[in-house]
Amino acid sequence: MAAAVAGGGAALPPVRLSDGLVQSLAVGKVYSDHRGPVGSLDFTHDGLYLATAGEDDRVHVYSCDRAERARHLRCEKYGVGAVRFLHNSRDCALASSRSATEHVVKHWDFQENKYVRLFRSHTARVTSLSPHPYEDTFLSGSADATVLLWDLRRDRPTARIGGAGLAVASFDQQGLVFVASIGRTKLHLFGAAAGPKLHEGRVLVLQHRAAPARRAARSTSCCSALVASICWFAQWTSFFS
């Protein structure tokens, strides 16, 4: 975890979190802008801004170096279930609807306070959003048992992975691979460079039925080196242009 010097100066050396360090921390700032529970939050990659989405149908953006709220955005019509910043920007984010009937993901320009594009293919609640760390793509998972790969410039998904239950997916920090779990006791790791032709690549299947959390974390950390070595995974995957 890297900390930045107040005022946007050079970054301090990374700080390794430990139980002792966490126990020694004290509350430095309390924000009370939301009028209901907070359901989602996300930092920019540089850690200088934080976005929060609440059940009061409001989104707030905070400046972490100034310890103050920078923007207040209202979204009463459909609410926001999850909010994620795009790339390194403090002004562009993905937001999923919190509505029980509208399951849309939105490309939201915070500076202009307008939606750049709406992504409408999911038919149930969006359960995860993961922007690529440097490309204009993102993953969305849903309770409709699908993970979709999107291009920010297109209205329709680039690729679809289907399963049998609630779906979640995430890119790794380098954007080289992504992991998906779709209602099963397995994690499927894909090479992101394969793009729409994921069914032509190899994937690693990780079984995690009743394994301790620390064992699953160790397994995930070594996935990148093993992606090309395991099995074909075409039976769950369907694609369309």
Foldseek 3Di string as FASTA:
>chain_A
DWAAAQPRDDIDPDDDDDPVVVVPDDDDADDDPDPAAWQEKEAAPVRQKMWIFGPSQKIWIAGPSVRGTDDIAGGPPFGFNYWYAAARDPFWIWTFGPHQAATKIFTAGNVVRDTPAIAGDDGGHWDEKEHQNPAQWIWIWGQVQKIFIPHNVDRYTQWIFGDDGGKYKYADNNNQKMWMDGPDQWIWIFGCVCGSNRQVAAIDIDGPDPDDPVVVVVVVVCRVVCGRPDGGDDPRTDGDD
